[in-house]
Amino acid sequence: MADTSKVIIFNSPFTNQLAITMVSGRCEKTVDEIAKMTVPNGVKYKVINHSEMPADKTWIDAWEDPTIDSETNVGLNTQPPV
């Protein structure tokens, strides 16, 4: 079952913004499995604790995380966004 205290973040090549993927506790997959199937192919991602996200969501579109570029995890999803 997915750990709902975790969040997947990555720099979206489609929007040029930080993308945030929350996981559902009803999912049978691990957080890493979810990331591999949702993050675009070849895009680096990072799994963080939900508590690490900024509490103030006023400027959510301006959030950045430059440390994602140093990650080794990459997505495998080859489908375009919906």
Protein backbone atom coordinates (compact mmCIF):
# COMPACT_ATOMS: atom_id res chain seq x y z
CA MET A 1 0.00 0.00 0.00
CA ALA A 2 1.29 3.47 -0.88
CA ASP A 3 2.72 5.66 1.88
CA THR A 4 0.43 8.73 1.94
CA SER A 5 2.99 10.73 3.92
CA LYS A 6 5.12 10.92 0.74
CA VAL A 7 4.82 13.25 -2.26
CA ILE A 8 6.44 12.88 -5.70
CA ILE A 9 7.86 16.06 -7.22
CA PHE A 10 9.47 16.67 -10.61
CA ASN A 11 10.08 19.51 -13.04
CA SER A 12 7.41 19.03 -15.71
CA PRO A 13 8.76 19.29 -19.26
CA PHE A 14 5.22 20.12 -20.41
CA THR A 15 4.51 23.11 -18.12
CA ASN A 16 8.03 24.13 -17.03
CA GLN A 17 6.75 24.11 -13.46
CA LEU A 18 7.25 21.89 -10.44
CA ALA A 19 4.72 19.05 -10.63
CA ILE A 20 3.40 17.53 -7.42
CA THR A 21 1.90 14.04 -7.29
CA MET A 22 0.10 12.98 -4.13
CA VAL A 23 -0.45 9.27 -3.57
CA SER A 24 -3.62 7.51 -2.46
CA GLY A 25 -3.68 5.09 0.44
CA ARG A 26 -5.97 2.86 -1.62
CA CYS A 27 -3.22 2.17 -4.16
CA GLU A 28 -1.51 -1.20 -3.94
CA LYS A 29 1.74 0.11 -5.48
CA THR A 30 4.72 1.59 -3.67
CA VAL A 31 5.49 5.30 -4.00
CA ASP A 32 8.45 4.51 -6.26
CA GLU A 33 6.27 2.34 -8.52
CA ILE A 34 3.73 5.16 -8.76
CA ALA A 35 6.50 7.64 -9.61
CA LYS A 36 7.90 5.42 -12.37
CA MET A 37 4.50 5.19 -14.06
CA THR A 38 3.47 8.86 -13.65
CA VAL A 39 6.69 10.83 -14.15
CA PRO A 40 7.52 11.35 -17.86
CA ASN A 41 10.18 9.09 -19.38
CA GLY A 42 13.71 10.26 -18.53
CA VAL A 43 12.57 13.06 -16.18
CA LYS A 44 14.21 13.06 -12.75
CA TYR A 45 11.96 12.99 -9.71
CA LYS A 46 12.26 13.18 -5.96
CA VAL A 47 10.13 11.62 -3.21
CA ILE A 48 9.73 13.87 -0.18
CA ASN A 49 7.69 13.83 2.99
CA HIS A 50 4.42 15.74 2.73
CA SER A 51 5.59 17.78 5.74
CA GLU A 52 8.53 19.13 3.67
CA MET A 53 6.19 21.02 1.35
CA PRO A 54 5.76 24.72 2.09
CA ALA A 55 2.75 25.37 4.31
CA ASP A 56 1.93 28.63 2.52
CA LYS A 57 0.40 27.68 -0.82
CA THR A 58 -0.16 31.30 -1.94
CA TRP A 59 2.63 31.10 -4.52
CA ILE A 60 2.33 27.39 -5.36
CA ASP A 61 3.03 28.05 -9.07
CA ALA A 62 6.40 29.55 -8.15
CA TRP A 63 7.67 26.63 -6.08
CA GLU A 64 11.02 25.23 -7.19
CA ASP A 65 13.37 22.51 -6.01
CA PRO A 66 16.78 22.75 -7.69
CA THR A 67 17.96 19.58 -5.90
CA ILE A 68 15.83 17.41 -8.22
CA ASP A 69 18.54 17.73 -10.89
CA SER A 70 20.94 15.76 -8.66
CA GLU A 71 18.51 12.83 -8.30
CA THR A 72 19.16 9.52 -10.06
CA ASN A 73 15.53 8.32 -10.14
CA VAL A 74 13.86 8.84 -13.52
CA GLY A 75 10.31 8.31 -14.70
CA LEU A 76 9.33 5.73 -17.29
CA ASN A 77 5.93 7.03 -18.49
CA THR A 78 5.92 7.44 -22.28
CA GLN A 79 2.31 8.68 -22.53
CA PRO A 80 1.62 12.41 -23.06
CA PRO A 81 -0.23 14.23 -20.27
CA VAL A 82 -4.01 14.15 -20.35
